[in-house]
């Protein structure tokens, strides 16, 4: 089973969903990301990859807010997470790059 954590109105997430017709979209604004999945993503990718510091949400934060721990920031502002976060069985993928697409295609 493939779970795609993202935003229903995100163009990149929509592209990924179209390419992965069996995937289930979990809208992170409405439902959030389970703590264990978020912890695994943080451990796998790190804060630099997981936080979207180019987003309008990030630019709207005060400097003091930006200093908060990354997982707390993402919990409070789900749009700060780089998208999509894809969970295929026990493996996580971040983004919808050619590498991610190739890796998912190889899984069958």
N, C-alpha and C. Protein backbone atom coordinates (compact mmCIF):
# COMPACT_ATOMS: atom_id res chain seq x y z
N UNK A 1 0.84 -1.18 0.00
CA UNK A 1 0.00 0.00 0.00
C UNK A 1 0.88 1.25 0.00
N UNK A 2 0.46 2.25 -0.75
CA UNK A 2 1.21 3.50 -0.82
C UNK A 2 0.34 4.62 -0.25
N UNK A 3 0.91 5.34 0.69
CA UNK A 3 0.24 6.50 1.28
C UNK A 3 1.04 7.73 0.91
N UNK A 4 0.34 8.72 0.40
CA UNK A 4 0.97 9.96 -0.01
C UNK A 4 0.51 11.05 0.95
N UNK A 5 1.44 11.60 1.72
CA UNK A 5 1.14 12.69 2.65
C UNK A 5 1.45 13.99 1.92
N UNK A 6 0.45 14.83 1.78
CA UNK A 6 0.64 16.08 1.07
C UNK A 6 -0.59 16.96 1.20
N UNK A 7 -0.76 17.83 0.23
CA UNK A 7 -1.90 18.73 0.20
C UNK A 7 -2.71 18.46 -1.06
N UNK A 8 -4.03 18.43 -0.91
CA UNK A 8 -4.87 18.09 -2.05
C UNK A 8 -4.79 19.12 -3.17
N UNK A 9 -4.39 20.35 -2.85
CA UNK A 9 -4.28 21.38 -3.88
C UNK A 9 -2.85 21.63 -4.34
N UNK A 10 -1.92 20.76 -3.97
CA UNK A 10 -0.51 20.89 -4.36
C UNK A 10 -0.32 20.23 -5.73
N UNK A 11 0.21 20.98 -6.68
CA UNK A 11 0.42 20.45 -8.04
C UNK A 11 1.32 19.22 -8.05
N UNK A 12 2.38 19.25 -7.27
CA UNK A 12 3.31 18.12 -7.24
C UNK A 12 2.63 16.88 -6.66
N UNK A 13 1.83 17.07 -5.63
CA UNK A 13 1.10 15.94 -5.04
C UNK A 13 0.10 15.37 -6.03
N UNK A 14 -0.55 16.24 -6.79
CA UNK A 14 -1.52 15.77 -7.80
C UNK A 14 -0.82 14.96 -8.89
N UNK A 15 0.37 15.40 -9.30
CA UNK A 15 1.15 14.65 -10.30
C UNK A 15 1.50 13.27 -9.77
N UNK A 16 1.94 13.22 -8.53
CA UNK A 16 2.30 11.94 -7.92
C UNK A 16 1.09 11.03 -7.82
N UNK A 17 -0.05 11.58 -7.41
CA UNK A 17 -1.27 10.78 -7.30
C UNK A 17 -1.71 10.23 -8.66
N UNK A 18 -1.56 11.03 -9.69
CA UNK A 18 -1.93 10.59 -11.03
C UNK A 18 -1.05 9.43 -11.47
N UNK A 19 0.23 9.49 -11.13
CA UNK A 19 1.17 8.43 -11.51
C UNK A 19 1.05 7.20 -10.61
N UNK A 20 0.49 7.39 -9.43
CA UNK A 20 0.32 6.29 -8.47
C UNK A 20 -1.17 6.11 -8.18
N UNK A 21 -1.91 5.54 -9.14
CA UNK A 21 -3.37 5.48 -8.99
C UNK A 21 -3.86 4.69 -7.77
N UNK A 22 -3.04 3.81 -7.23
CA UNK A 22 -3.46 3.03 -6.06
C UNK A 22 -3.11 3.72 -4.75
N UNK A 23 -2.43 4.86 -4.83
CA UNK A 23 -2.02 5.57 -3.62
C UNK A 23 -3.21 6.26 -2.96
N UNK A 24 -3.11 6.41 -1.66
CA UNK A 24 -4.13 7.11 -0.87
C UNK A 24 -3.53 8.43 -0.42
N UNK A 25 -4.23 9.52 -0.69
CA UNK A 25 -3.76 10.85 -0.27
C UNK A 25 -4.25 11.15 1.13
N UNK A 26 -3.32 11.54 1.98
CA UNK A 26 -3.66 12.04 3.31
C UNK A 26 -3.32 13.52 3.30
N UNK A 27 -4.34 14.36 3.38
CA UNK A 27 -4.14 15.80 3.38
C UNK A 27 -3.59 16.21 4.74
N UNK A 28 -2.36 16.69 4.75
CA UNK A 28 -1.69 16.97 6.03
C UNK A 28 -2.32 18.15 6.77
N UNK A 29 -3.00 19.03 6.05
CA UNK A 29 -3.68 20.13 6.74
C UNK A 29 -4.88 19.61 7.53
N UNK A 30 -5.60 18.68 6.93
CA UNK A 30 -6.81 18.17 7.56
C UNK A 30 -6.53 17.05 8.56
N UNK A 31 -5.61 16.14 8.20
CA UNK A 31 -5.41 14.94 8.99
C UNK A 31 -4.06 14.85 9.69
N UNK A 32 -3.08 15.62 9.23
CA UNK A 32 -1.74 15.55 9.80
C UNK A 32 -1.01 14.30 9.37
N UNK A 33 0.19 14.15 9.87
CA UNK A 33 1.02 12.97 9.60
C UNK A 33 1.20 12.24 10.93
N UNK A 34 0.98 10.93 10.95
CA UNK A 34 1.17 10.19 12.20
C UNK A 34 2.56 10.45 12.79
N UNK A 35 2.63 10.55 14.11
CA UNK A 35 3.90 10.87 14.78
C UNK A 35 5.02 9.91 14.41
N UNK A 36 4.71 8.61 14.33
CA UNK A 36 5.75 7.64 14.02
C UNK A 36 6.28 7.82 12.60
N UNK A 37 5.41 8.16 11.67
CA UNK A 37 5.84 8.40 10.28
C UNK A 37 6.69 9.66 10.22
N UNK A 38 6.26 10.71 10.93
CA UNK A 38 7.01 11.96 10.94
C UNK A 38 8.39 11.77 11.57
N UNK A 39 8.45 10.99 12.64
CA UNK A 39 9.74 10.72 13.30
C UNK A 39 10.66 9.94 12.35
N UNK A 40 10.11 8.96 11.64
CA UNK A 40 10.91 8.19 10.68
C UNK A 40 11.38 9.10 9.54
N UNK A 41 10.52 10.00 9.07
CA UNK A 41 10.90 10.93 8.00
C UNK A 41 12.02 11.86 8.47
N UNK A 42 11.90 12.34 9.70
CA UNK A 42 12.93 13.23 10.24
C UNK A 42 14.26 12.50 10.36
N UNK A 43 14.20 11.26 10.81
CA UNK A 43 15.41 10.46 10.96
C UNK A 43 16.02 10.13 9.59
N UNK A 44 15.18 9.86 8.61
CA UNK A 44 15.64 9.48 7.28
C UNK A 44 16.17 10.67 6.48
N UNK A 45 15.45 11.79 6.49
CA UNK A 45 15.78 12.90 5.61
C UNK A 45 16.43 14.09 6.30
N UNK A 46 16.18 14.25 7.60
CA UNK A 46 16.74 15.39 8.33
C UNK A 46 15.91 16.65 8.13
N UNK A 47 16.17 17.63 8.98
CA UNK A 47 15.39 18.87 8.97
C UNK A 47 15.59 19.65 7.68
N UNK A 48 16.80 19.68 7.15
CA UNK A 48 17.08 20.48 5.96
C UNK A 48 16.25 20.01 4.77
N UNK A 49 16.07 18.72 4.63
CA UNK A 49 15.29 18.20 3.51
C UNK A 49 13.79 18.27 3.78
N UNK A 50 13.39 18.09 5.02
CA UNK A 50 11.97 17.98 5.37
C UNK A 50 11.26 19.33 5.44
N UNK A 51 11.98 20.37 5.82
CA UNK A 51 11.37 21.70 5.95
C UNK A 51 11.45 22.44 4.62
N UNK A 52 10.32 22.94 4.17
CA UNK A 52 10.28 23.72 2.94
C UNK A 52 10.48 25.19 3.30
N UNK A 53 11.73 25.62 3.26
CA UNK A 53 12.05 26.99 3.67
C UNK A 53 11.85 27.99 2.52
N UNK A 54 11.36 27.51 1.39
CA UNK A 54 11.06 28.42 0.27
C UNK A 54 9.56 28.72 0.19
N UNK A 55 8.79 28.16 1.11
CA UNK A 55 7.33 28.33 1.06
C UNK A 55 6.90 29.70 1.58
N UNK A 56 5.72 30.10 1.16
CA UNK A 56 5.17 31.36 1.67
C UNK A 56 4.87 31.24 3.17
N UNK A 57 4.55 30.03 3.62
CA UNK A 57 4.31 29.83 5.06
C UNK A 57 5.59 30.15 5.83
N UNK A 58 6.73 29.65 5.37
CA UNK A 58 8.01 29.89 6.04
C UNK A 58 8.33 31.38 6.06
N UNK A 59 8.14 32.03 4.91
CA UNK A 59 8.45 33.47 4.82
C UNK A 59 7.56 34.29 5.74
N UNK A 60 6.37 33.77 6.05
CA UNK A 60 5.45 34.49 6.93
C UNK A 60 5.73 34.31 8.41
N UNK A 61 6.64 33.41 8.75
CA UNK A 61 6.95 33.16 10.16
C UNK A 61 7.91 34.21 10.71
N UNK A 62 7.72 34.52 11.97
CA UNK A 62 8.67 35.38 12.67
C UNK A 62 9.97 34.60 12.88
N UNK A 63 11.05 35.31 13.03
CA UNK A 63 12.35 34.67 13.25
C UNK A 63 12.32 33.78 14.48
N UNK A 64 11.62 34.20 15.51
CA UNK A 64 11.53 33.41 16.74
C UNK A 64 10.77 32.10 16.49
N UNK A 65 9.76 32.14 15.63
CA UNK A 65 9.01 30.92 15.31
C UNK A 65 9.88 29.95 14.51
N UNK A 66 10.68 30.47 13.62
CA UNK A 66 11.55 29.62 12.79
C UNK A 66 12.57 28.84 13.62
N UNK A 67 12.86 29.34 14.82
CA UNK A 67 13.83 28.69 15.69
C UNK A 67 13.27 27.46 16.40
N UNK A 68 11.99 27.24 16.30
CA UNK A 68 11.35 26.09 16.97
C UNK A 68 11.86 24.78 16.36
N UNK A 69 11.80 23.68 17.12
CA UNK A 69 12.21 22.38 16.56
C UNK A 69 11.41 22.07 15.29
N UNK A 70 12.07 21.51 14.27
CA UNK A 70 11.42 21.26 12.98
C UNK A 70 10.12 20.45 13.06
N UNK A 71 10.10 19.41 13.89
CA UNK A 71 8.87 18.61 13.98
C UNK A 71 7.73 19.40 14.60
N UNK A 72 8.04 20.28 15.53
CA UNK A 72 7.01 21.14 16.12
C UNK A 72 6.47 22.12 15.08
N UNK A 73 7.39 22.67 14.27
CA UNK A 73 6.98 23.60 13.22
C UNK A 73 6.04 22.93 12.22
N UNK A 74 6.40 21.72 11.80
CA UNK A 74 5.58 21.01 10.82
C UNK A 74 4.23 20.62 11.42
N UNK A 75 4.23 20.26 12.70
CA UNK A 75 2.95 19.92 13.36
C UNK A 75 2.03 21.14 13.41
N UNK A 76 2.62 22.30 13.67
CA UNK A 76 1.83 23.53 13.78
C UNK A 76 1.45 24.09 12.41
N UNK A 77 2.37 23.94 11.43
CA UNK A 77 2.17 24.48 10.08
C UNK A 77 2.46 23.37 9.07
N UNK A 78 1.51 22.48 8.80
CA UNK A 78 1.75 21.33 7.93
C UNK A 78 2.26 21.69 6.53
N UNK A 79 1.93 22.87 6.05
CA UNK A 79 2.38 23.27 4.71
C UNK A 79 3.89 23.48 4.65
N UNK A 80 4.56 23.49 5.80
CA UNK A 80 6.02 23.63 5.82
C UNK A 80 6.74 22.34 5.42
N UNK A 81 6.04 21.23 5.41
CA UNK A 81 6.68 19.96 5.05
C UNK A 81 6.85 19.91 3.54
N UNK A 82 8.05 19.53 3.10
CA UNK A 82 8.24 19.31 1.67
C UNK A 82 7.33 18.18 1.25
N UNK A 83 6.80 18.30 0.04
CA UNK A 83 5.78 17.35 -0.41
C UNK A 83 6.14 16.76 -1.75
N UNK A 84 5.56 15.61 -2.01
CA UNK A 84 4.85 14.73 -1.09
C UNK A 84 5.81 13.88 -0.28
N UNK A 85 5.34 13.42 0.86
CA UNK A 85 6.03 12.40 1.65
C UNK A 85 5.29 11.12 1.33
N UNK A 86 5.99 10.17 0.72
CA UNK A 86 5.35 8.94 0.24
C UNK A 86 5.82 7.77 1.09
N UNK A 87 4.86 7.03 1.60
CA UNK A 87 5.15 5.83 2.39
C UNK A 87 4.71 4.62 1.58
N UNK A 88 5.69 3.81 1.18
CA UNK A 88 5.42 2.57 0.45
C UNK A 88 5.90 1.44 1.34
N UNK A 89 4.96 0.75 1.97
CA UNK A 89 5.26 -0.25 2.98
C UNK A 89 6.06 0.41 4.09
N UNK A 90 7.30 -0.02 4.34
CA UNK A 90 8.10 0.57 5.42
C UNK A 90 9.11 1.59 4.92
N UNK A 91 9.07 1.94 3.65
CA UNK A 91 10.04 2.85 3.05
C UNK A 91 9.41 4.21 2.79
N UNK A 92 10.16 5.27 3.09
CA UNK A 92 9.69 6.62 2.86
C UNK A 92 10.45 7.26 1.70
N UNK A 93 9.74 8.05 0.94
CA UNK A 93 10.32 8.84 -0.15
C UNK A 93 9.86 10.27 0.03
N UNK A 94 10.72 11.22 -0.32
CA UNK A 94 10.36 12.63 -0.16
C UNK A 94 10.48 13.33 -1.50
N UNK A 95 9.40 14.00 -1.88
CA UNK A 95 9.39 14.73 -3.14
C UNK A 95 8.91 13.85 -4.29
N UNK A 96 8.88 14.44 -5.46
CA UNK A 96 8.46 13.71 -6.66
C UNK A 96 9.50 13.92 -7.74
N UNK A 97 10.73 13.57 -7.39
CA UNK A 97 11.85 13.71 -8.32
C UNK A 97 11.93 12.48 -9.22
N UNK A 98 12.77 12.56 -10.22
CA UNK A 98 12.97 11.42 -11.12
C UNK A 98 13.48 10.21 -10.34
N UNK A 99 14.34 10.43 -9.36
CA UNK A 99 14.87 9.33 -8.54
C UNK A 99 13.76 8.63 -7.76
N UNK A 100 12.86 9.41 -7.19
CA UNK A 100 11.74 8.84 -6.43
C UNK A 100 10.83 8.06 -7.38
N UNK A 101 10.54 8.62 -8.53
CA UNK A 101 9.68 7.95 -9.49
C UNK A 101 10.29 6.63 -9.95
N UNK A 102 11.60 6.63 -10.20
CA UNK A 102 12.29 5.42 -10.62
C UNK A 102 12.25 4.36 -9.51
N UNK A 103 12.53 4.79 -8.28
CA UNK A 103 12.54 3.86 -7.15
C UNK A 103 11.15 3.25 -6.94
N UNK A 104 10.13 4.03 -7.05
CA UNK A 104 8.77 3.51 -6.87
C UNK A 104 8.37 2.59 -8.03
N UNK A 105 8.77 2.92 -9.23
CA UNK A 105 8.49 2.07 -10.39
C UNK A 105 9.18 0.72 -10.25
N UNK A 106 10.40 0.72 -9.69
CA UNK A 106 11.16 -0.52 -9.50
C UNK A 106 10.50 -1.43 -8.48
N UNK A 107 9.73 -0.85 -7.56
CA UNK A 107 9.06 -1.64 -6.52
C UNK A 107 7.89 -2.42 -7.09
N UNK A 108 7.47 -2.02 -8.29
CA UNK A 108 6.39 -2.75 -8.94
C UNK A 108 5.11 -2.09 -8.73
